[in-house]
Amino acid sequence: MNDYRDYDETTEEQVEDALLGILRFGESIDNTVLANTQNALSYREDGVLTMNRGVVLQMADGTEFQITIVQSR
């Protein structure tokens, strides 16, 4: 396992760009910053106190992101 200090800090913009690339254009996760995801947990698994559904991404560099899923229609 690589030490998280080997990576630059992941930003919100990078995660957003990665998700859009994967979902819109079928880009491989291996070609995005999401390749450095060490763990992905549901909100429930991570103990996030919310009624929403979502995912917590824990990155190799120590940053963490929450992606909330809200049905709009």
PDB file of N, CA and C in Angstrom:
ATOM      1  N   MET A   1       0.850  -1.177   0.000  1.00  0.00           N
ATOM      2  CA  MET A   1       0.000   0.000   0.000  1.00  0.00           C
ATOM      3  C   MET A   1       0.894   1.238   0.000  1.00  0.00           C
ATOM      4  N   ASN A   2       0.550   2.203  -0.823  1.00  0.00           N
ATOM      5  CA  ASN A   2       1.316   3.444  -0.886  1.00  0.00           C
ATOM      6  C   ASN A   2       0.977   4.353   0.276  1.00  0.00           C
ATOM      7  N   ASP A   3       1.969   5.097   0.726  1.00  0.00           N
ATOM      8  CA  ASP A   3       1.770   6.092   1.769  1.00  0.00           C
ATOM      9  C   ASP A   3       1.005   7.267   1.163  1.00  0.00           C
ATOM     10  N   TYR A   4      -0.025   7.773   1.852  1.00  0.00           N
ATOM     11  CA  TYR A   4      -0.833   8.853   1.301  1.00  0.00           C
ATOM     12  C   TYR A   4      -0.011  10.095   0.992  1.00  0.00           C
ATOM     13  N   ARG A   5       1.142  10.261   1.616  1.00  0.00           N
ATOM     14  CA  ARG A   5       1.984  11.426   1.352  1.00  0.00           C
ATOM     15  C   ARG A   5       2.611  11.369  -0.034  1.00  0.00           C
ATOM     16  N   ASP A   6       2.507  10.230  -0.719  1.00  0.00           N
ATOM     17  CA  ASP A   6       3.027  10.112  -2.083  1.00  0.00           C
ATOM     18  C   ASP A   6       2.142  10.835  -3.089  1.00  0.00           C
ATOM     19  N   TYR A   7       0.953  11.272  -2.668  1.00  0.00           N
ATOM     20  CA  TYR A   7      -0.011  11.884  -3.566  1.00  0.00           C
ATOM     21  C   TYR A   7      -0.224  13.351  -3.208  1.00  0.00           C
ATOM     22  N   ASP A   8      -0.503  14.172  -4.225  1.00  0.00           N
ATOM     23  CA  ASP A   8      -0.960  15.531  -3.968  1.00  0.00           C
ATOM     24  C   ASP A   8      -2.349  15.433  -3.375  1.00  0.00           C
ATOM     25  N   GLU A   9      -2.766  16.454  -2.638  1.00  0.00           N
ATOM     26  CA  GLU A   9      -4.096  16.435  -2.035  1.00  0.00           C
ATOM     27  C   GLU A   9      -5.172  16.497  -3.116  1.00  0.00           C
ATOM     28  N   THR A  10      -6.118  15.600  -3.025  1.00  0.00           N
ATOM     29  CA  THR A  10      -7.226  15.539  -3.966  1.00  0.00           C
ATOM     30  C   THR A  10      -8.179  16.699  -3.704  1.00  0.00           C
ATOM     31  N   THR A  11      -8.715  17.294  -4.778  1.00  0.00           N
ATOM     32  CA  THR A  11      -9.632  18.426  -4.628  1.00  0.00           C
ATOM     33  C   THR A  11     -11.047  18.030  -5.029  1.00  0.00           C
ATOM     34  N   GLU A  12     -12.010  18.845  -4.618  1.00  0.00           N
ATOM     35  CA  GLU A  12     -13.407  18.639  -5.002  1.00  0.00           C
ATOM     36  C   GLU A  12     -13.553  18.684  -6.522  1.00  0.00           C
ATOM     37  N   GLU A  13     -12.855  19.610  -7.155  1.00  0.00           N
ATOM     38  CA  GLU A  13     -12.932  19.750  -8.614  1.00  0.00           C
ATOM     39  C   GLU A  13     -12.442  18.487  -9.314  1.00  0.00           C
ATOM     40  N   GLN A  14     -11.377  17.881  -8.811  1.00  0.00           N
ATOM     41  CA  GLN A  14     -10.862  16.651  -9.413  1.00  0.00           C
ATOM     42  C   GLN A  14     -11.865  15.504  -9.292  1.00  0.00           C
ATOM     43  N   VAL A  15     -12.505  15.402  -8.138  1.00  0.00           N
ATOM     44  CA  VAL A  15     -13.505  14.347  -7.941  1.00  0.00           C
ATOM     45  C   VAL A  15     -14.689  14.577  -8.873  1.00  0.00           C
ATOM     46  N   GLU A  16     -15.147  15.827  -8.964  1.00  0.00           N
ATOM     47  CA  GLU A  16     -16.251  16.161  -9.860  1.00  0.00           C
ATOM     48  C   GLU A  16     -15.895  15.824 -11.307  1.00  0.00           C
ATOM     49  N   ASP A  17     -14.723  16.232 -11.758  1.00  0.00           N
ATOM     50  CA  ASP A  17     -14.287  15.949 -13.126  1.00  0.00           C
ATOM     51  C   ASP A  17     -14.194  14.446 -13.386  1.00  0.00           C
ATOM     52  N   ALA A  18     -13.699  13.710 -12.399  1.00  0.00           N
ATOM     53  CA  ALA A  18     -13.585  12.259 -12.544  1.00  0.00           C
ATOM     54  C   ALA A  18     -14.954  11.607 -12.693  1.00  0.00           C
ATOM     55  N   LEU A  19     -15.895  11.999 -11.839  1.00  0.00           N
ATOM     56  CA  LEU A  19     -17.239  11.422 -11.913  1.00  0.00           C
ATOM     57  C   LEU A  19     -17.907  11.741 -13.247  1.00  0.00           C
ATOM     58  N   LEU A  20     -17.772  12.983 -13.702  1.00  0.00           N
ATOM     59  CA  LEU A  20     -18.360  13.355 -14.989  1.00  0.00           C
ATOM     60  C   LEU A  20     -17.704  12.587 -16.137  1.00  0.00           C
ATOM     61  N   GLY A  21     -16.409  12.421 -16.085  1.00  0.00           N
ATOM     62  CA  GLY A  21     -15.713  11.664 -17.127  1.00  0.00           C
ATOM     63  C   GLY A  21     -16.163  10.217 -17.186  1.00  0.00           C
ATOM     64  N   ILE A  22     -16.335   9.619 -16.026  1.00  0.00           N
ATOM     65  CA  ILE A  22     -16.778   8.225 -15.959  1.00  0.00           C
ATOM     66  C   ILE A  22     -18.222   8.093 -16.436  1.00  0.00           C
ATOM     67  N   LEU A  23     -19.113   8.953 -15.921  1.00  0.00           N
ATOM     68  CA  LEU A  23     -20.544   8.829 -16.211  1.00  0.00           C
ATOM     69  C   LEU A  23     -20.918   9.305 -17.613  1.00  0.00           C
ATOM     70  N   ARG A  24     -20.309  10.373 -18.086  1.00  0.00           N
ATOM     71  CA  ARG A  24     -20.656  10.914 -19.402  1.00  0.00           C
ATOM     72  C   ARG A  24     -19.938  10.222 -20.554  1.00  0.00           C
ATOM     73  N   PHE A  25     -18.675   9.937 -20.334  1.00  0.00           N
ATOM     74  CA  PHE A  25     -17.835   9.514 -21.452  1.00  0.00           C
ATOM     75  C   PHE A  25     -17.279   8.106 -21.306  1.00  0.00           C
ATOM     76  N   GLY A  26     -17.650   7.421 -20.239  1.00  0.00           N
ATOM     77  CA  GLY A  26     -17.194   6.051 -20.044  1.00  0.00           C
ATOM     78  C   GLY A  26     -15.704   5.944 -19.776  1.00  0.00           C
ATOM     79  N   GLU A  27     -15.122   7.023 -19.263  1.00  0.00           N
ATOM     80  CA  GLU A  27     -13.697   7.010 -18.953  1.00  0.00           C
ATOM     81  C   GLU A  27     -13.418   5.955 -17.892  1.00  0.00           C
ATOM     82  N   SER A  28     -12.287   5.309 -17.988  1.00  0.00           N
ATOM     83  CA  SER A  28     -11.891   4.308 -17.006  1.00  0.00           C
ATOM     84  C   SER A  28     -11.540   4.984 -15.689  1.00  0.00           C
ATOM     85  N   ILE A  29     -11.981   4.397 -14.595  1.00  0.00           N
ATOM     86  CA  ILE A  29     -11.646   4.938 -13.281  1.00  0.00           C
ATOM     87  C   ILE A  29     -10.135   5.018 -13.091  1.00  0.00           C
ATOM     88  N   ASP A  30      -9.404   4.107 -13.739  1.00  0.00           N
ATOM     89  CA  ASP A  30      -7.949   4.082 -13.617  1.00  0.00           C
ATOM     90  C   ASP A  30      -7.293   5.332 -14.201  1.00  0.00           C
ATOM     91  N   ASN A  31      -8.019   6.057 -15.055  1.00  0.00           N
ATOM     92  CA  ASN A  31      -7.492   7.277 -15.662  1.00  0.00           C
ATOM     93  C   ASN A  31      -7.935   8.527 -14.929  1.00  0.00           C
ATOM     94  N   THR A  32      -8.481   8.368 -13.726  1.00  0.00           N
ATOM     95  CA  THR A  32      -8.982   9.508 -12.961  1.00  0.00           C
ATOM     96  C   THR A  32      -8.379   9.499 -11.564  1.00  0.00           C
ATOM     97  N   VAL A  33      -8.595  10.585 -10.856  1.00  0.00           N
ATOM     98  CA  VAL A  33      -8.129  10.691  -9.469  1.00  0.00           C
ATOM     99  C   VAL A  33      -8.811   9.646  -8.582  1.00  0.00           C
ATOM    100  N   LEU A  34      -9.952   9.119  -9.018  1.00  0.00           N
ATOM    101  CA  LEU A  34     -10.660   8.118  -8.216  1.00  0.00           C
ATOM    102  C   LEU A  34      -9.918   6.790  -8.145  1.00  0.00           C
ATOM    103  N   ALA A  35      -8.902   6.613  -8.979  1.00  0.00           N
ATOM    104  CA  ALA A  35      -8.061   5.422  -8.889  1.00  0.00           C
ATOM    105  C   ALA A  35      -7.313   5.381  -7.555  1.00  0.00           C
ATOM    106  N   ASN A  36      -7.202   6.542  -6.906  1.00  0.00           N
ATOM    107  CA  ASN A  36      -6.520   6.629  -5.619  1.00  0.00           C
ATOM    108  C   ASN A  36      -7.471   6.486  -4.429  1.00  0.00           C
ATOM    109  N   THR A  37      -8.681   5.976  -4.680  1.00  0.00           N
ATOM    110  CA  THR A  37      -9.633   5.744  -3.599  1.00  0.00           C
ATOM    111  C   THR A  37      -9.177   4.535  -2.793  1.00  0.00           C
ATOM    112  N   GLN A  38      -9.010   4.729  -1.491  1.00  0.00           N
ATOM    113  CA  GLN A  38      -8.617   3.613  -0.627  1.00  0.00           C
ATOM    114  C   GLN A  38      -9.815   2.859  -0.086  1.00  0.00           C
ATOM    115  N   ASN A  39     -10.917   3.596   0.118  1.00  0.00           N
ATOM    116  CA  ASN A  39     -12.090   2.958   0.684  1.00  0.00           C
ATOM    117  C   ASN A  39     -13.326   3.738   0.267  1.00  0.00           C
ATOM    118  N   ALA A  40     -14.405   3.042   0.052  1.00  0.00           N
ATOM    119  CA  ALA A  40     -15.694   3.658  -0.246  1.00  0.00           C
ATOM    120  C   ALA A  40     -16.728   3.008   0.655  1.00  0.00           C
ATOM    121  N   LEU A  41     -17.449   3.841   1.387  1.00  0.00           N
ATOM    122  CA  LEU A  41     -18.444   3.359   2.337  1.00  0.00           C
ATOM    123  C   LEU A  41     -19.766   4.073   2.101  1.00  0.00           C
ATOM    124  N   SER A  42     -20.869   3.376   2.351  1.00  0.00           N
ATOM    125  CA  SER A  42     -22.154   4.058   2.341  1.00  0.00           C
ATOM    126  C   SER A  42     -22.217   4.969   3.555  1.00  0.00           C
ATOM    127  N   TYR A  43     -23.092   5.971   3.500  1.00  0.00           N
ATOM    128  CA  TYR A  43     -23.272   6.836   4.668  1.00  0.00           C
ATOM    129  C   TYR A  43     -23.592   5.995   5.895  1.00  0.00           C
ATOM    130  N   ARG A  44     -24.447   5.005   5.713  1.00  0.00           N
ATOM    131  CA  ARG A  44     -24.848   4.147   6.838  1.00  0.00           C
ATOM    132  C   ARG A  44     -23.636   3.420   7.430  1.00  0.00           C
ATOM    133  N   GLU A  45     -22.799   2.843   6.558  1.00  0.00           N
ATOM    134  CA  GLU A  45     -21.615   2.128   7.031  1.00  0.00           C
ATOM    135  C   GLU A  45     -20.643   3.050   7.775  1.00  0.00           C
ATOM    136  N   ASP A  46     -20.559   4.307   7.313  1.00  0.00           N
ATOM    137  CA  ASP A  46     -19.622   5.259   7.908  1.00  0.00           C
ATOM    138  C   ASP A  46     -20.225   6.012   9.100  1.00  0.00           C
ATOM    139  N   GLY A  47     -21.503   5.800   9.370  1.00  0.00           N
ATOM    140  CA  GLY A  47     -22.148   6.446  10.504  1.00  0.00           C
ATOM    141  C   GLY A  47     -22.478   7.912  10.280  1.00  0.00           C
ATOM    142  N   VAL A  48     -22.636   8.326   9.019  1.00  0.00           N
ATOM    143  CA  VAL A  48     -23.003   9.713   8.719  1.00  0.00           C
ATOM    144  C   VAL A  48     -24.452   9.924   9.155  1.00  0.00           C
ATOM    145  N   LEU A  49     -24.668  10.942   9.964  1.00  0.00           N
ATOM    146  CA  LEU A  49     -25.999  11.203  10.503  1.00  0.00           C
ATOM    147  C   LEU A  49     -26.808  12.057   9.533  1.00  0.00           C
ATOM    148  N   THR A  50     -27.543  11.404   8.670  1.00  0.00           N
ATOM    149  CA  THR A  50     -28.391  12.078   7.696  1.00  0.00           C
ATOM    150  C   THR A  50     -29.468  11.105   7.246  1.00  0.00           C
ATOM    151  N   MET A  51     -30.550  11.653   6.733  1.00  0.00           N
ATOM    152  CA  MET A  51     -31.604  10.813   6.170  1.00  0.00           C
ATOM    153  C   MET A  51     -31.322  10.510   4.696  1.00  0.00           C
ATOM    154  N   ASN A  52     -30.359  11.220   4.111  1.00  0.00           N
ATOM    155  CA  ASN A  52     -30.002  11.019   2.703  1.00  0.00           C
ATOM    156  C   ASN A  52     -29.174   9.758   2.528  1.00  0.00           C
ATOM    157  N   ARG A  53     -29.181   9.246   1.307  1.00  0.00           N
ATOM    158  CA  ARG A  53     -28.295   8.157   0.922  1.00  0.00           C
ATOM    159  C   ARG A  53     -27.040   8.792   0.358  1.00  0.00           C
ATOM    160  N   GLY A  54     -25.936   8.098   0.444  1.00  0.00           N
ATOM    161  CA  GLY A  54     -24.711   8.642  -0.104  1.00  0.00           C
ATOM    162  C   GLY A  54     -23.519   7.741   0.120  1.00  0.00           C
ATOM    163  N   VAL A  55     -22.377   8.223  -0.364  1.00  0.00           N
ATOM    164  CA  VAL A  55     -21.133   7.468  -0.326  1.00  0.00           C
ATOM    165  C   VAL A  55     -20.027   8.362   0.218  1.00  0.00           C
ATOM    166  N   VAL A  56     -19.183   7.799   1.057  1.00  0.00           N
ATOM    167  CA  VAL A  56     -18.001   8.486   1.555  1.00  0.00           C
ATOM    168  C   VAL A  56     -16.796   7.860   0.862  1.00  0.00           C
ATOM    169  N   LEU A  57     -15.992   8.702   0.213  1.00  0.00           N
ATOM    170  CA  LEU A  57     -14.765   8.249  -0.441  1.00  0.00           C
ATOM    171  C   LEU A  57     -13.582   8.648   0.419  1.00  0.00           C
ATOM    172  N   GLN A  58     -12.765   7.694   0.771  1.00  0.00           N
ATOM    173  CA  GLN A  58     -11.541   7.963   1.517  1.00  0.00           C
ATOM    174  C   GLN A  58     -10.377   7.753   0.559  1.00  0.00           C
ATOM    175  N   MET A  59      -9.617   8.836   0.324  1.00  0.00           N
ATOM    176  CA  MET A  59      -8.560   8.827  -0.675  1.00  0.00           C
ATOM    177  C   MET A  59      -7.217   8.457  -0.047  1.00  0.00           C
ATOM    178  N   ALA A  60      -6.302   8.000  -0.885  1.00  0.00           N
ATOM    179  CA  ALA A  60      -4.973   7.589  -0.422  1.00  0.00           C
ATOM    180  C   ALA A  60      -4.200   8.736   0.210  1.00  0.00           C
ATOM    181  N   ASP A  61      -4.521   9.975  -0.161  1.00  0.00           N
ATOM    182  CA  ASP A  61      -3.790  11.124   0.389  1.00  0.00           C
ATOM    183  C   ASP A  61      -4.369  11.605   1.716  1.00  0.00           C
ATOM    184  N   GLY A  62      -5.395  10.921   2.217  1.00  0.00           N
ATOM    185  CA  GLY A  62      -5.989  11.282   3.497  1.00  0.00           C
ATOM    186  C   GLY A  62      -7.226  12.163   3.389  1.00  0.00           C
ATOM    187  N   THR A  63      -7.527  12.678   2.193  1.00  0.00           N
ATOM    188  CA  THR A  63      -8.739  13.480   2.032  1.00  0.00           C
ATOM    189  C   THR A  63      -9.950  12.563   1.989  1.00  0.00           C
ATOM    190  N   GLU A  64     -11.097  13.152   2.284  1.00  0.00           N
ATOM    191  CA  GLU A  64     -12.346  12.395   2.305  1.00  0.00           C
ATOM    192  C   GLU A  64     -13.430  13.233   1.651  1.00  0.00           C
ATOM    193  N   PHE A  65     -14.289  12.579   0.886  1.00  0.00           N
ATOM    194  CA  PHE A  65     -15.367  13.261   0.180  1.00  0.00           C
ATOM    195  C   PHE A  65     -16.667  12.528   0.429  1.00  0.00           C
ATOM    196  N   GLN A  66     -17.751  13.306   0.507  1.00  0.00           N
ATOM    197  CA  GLN A  66     -19.089  12.739   0.628  1.00  0.00           C
ATOM    198  C   GLN A  66     -19.872  13.049  -0.638  1.00  0.00           C
ATOM    199  N   ILE A  67     -20.492  12.035  -1.177  1.00  0.00           N
ATOM    200  CA  ILE A  67     -21.334  12.199  -2.362  1.00  0.00           C
ATOM    201  C   ILE A  67     -22.745  11.840  -1.949  1.00  0.00           C
ATOM    202  N   THR A  68     -23.625  12.827  -1.915  1.00  0.00           N
ATOM    203  CA  THR A  68     -25.011  12.630  -1.500  1.00  0.00           C
ATOM    204  C   THR A  68     -25.876  12.283  -2.705  1.00  0.00           C
ATOM    205  N   ILE A  69     -26.789  11.340  -2.519  1.00  0.00           N
ATOM    206  CA  ILE A  69     -27.696  10.903  -3.575  1.00  0.00           C
ATOM    207  C   ILE A  69     -29.097  11.343  -3.186  1.00  0.00           C
ATOM    208  N   VAL A  70     -29.663  12.244  -3.982  1.00  0.00           N
ATOM    209  CA  VAL A  70     -30.999  12.758  -3.730  1.00  0.00           C
ATOM    210  C   VAL A  70     -31.806  12.633  -5.014  1.00  0.00           C
ATOM    211  N   GLN A  71     -32.914  11.905  -4.943  1.00  0.00           N
ATOM    212  CA  GLN A  71     -33.772  11.768  -6.122  1.00  0.00           C
ATOM    213  C   GLN A  71     -34.536  13.070  -6.322  1.00  0.00           C
ATOM    214  N   SER A  72     -34.451  13.618  -7.541  1.00  0.00           N
ATOM    215  CA  SER A  72     -35.104  14.897  -7.815  1.00  0.00           C
ATOM    216  C   SER A  72     -36.408  14.752  -8.585  1.00  0.00           C
ATOM    217  N   ARG A  73     -36.648  13.624  -9.182  1.00  0.00           N
ATOM    218  CA  ARG A  73     -37.909  13.371  -9.887  1.00  0.00           C
ATOM    219  C   ARG A  73     -38.318  11.939  -9.720  1.00  0.00           C
TER     220      ARG A  73
END
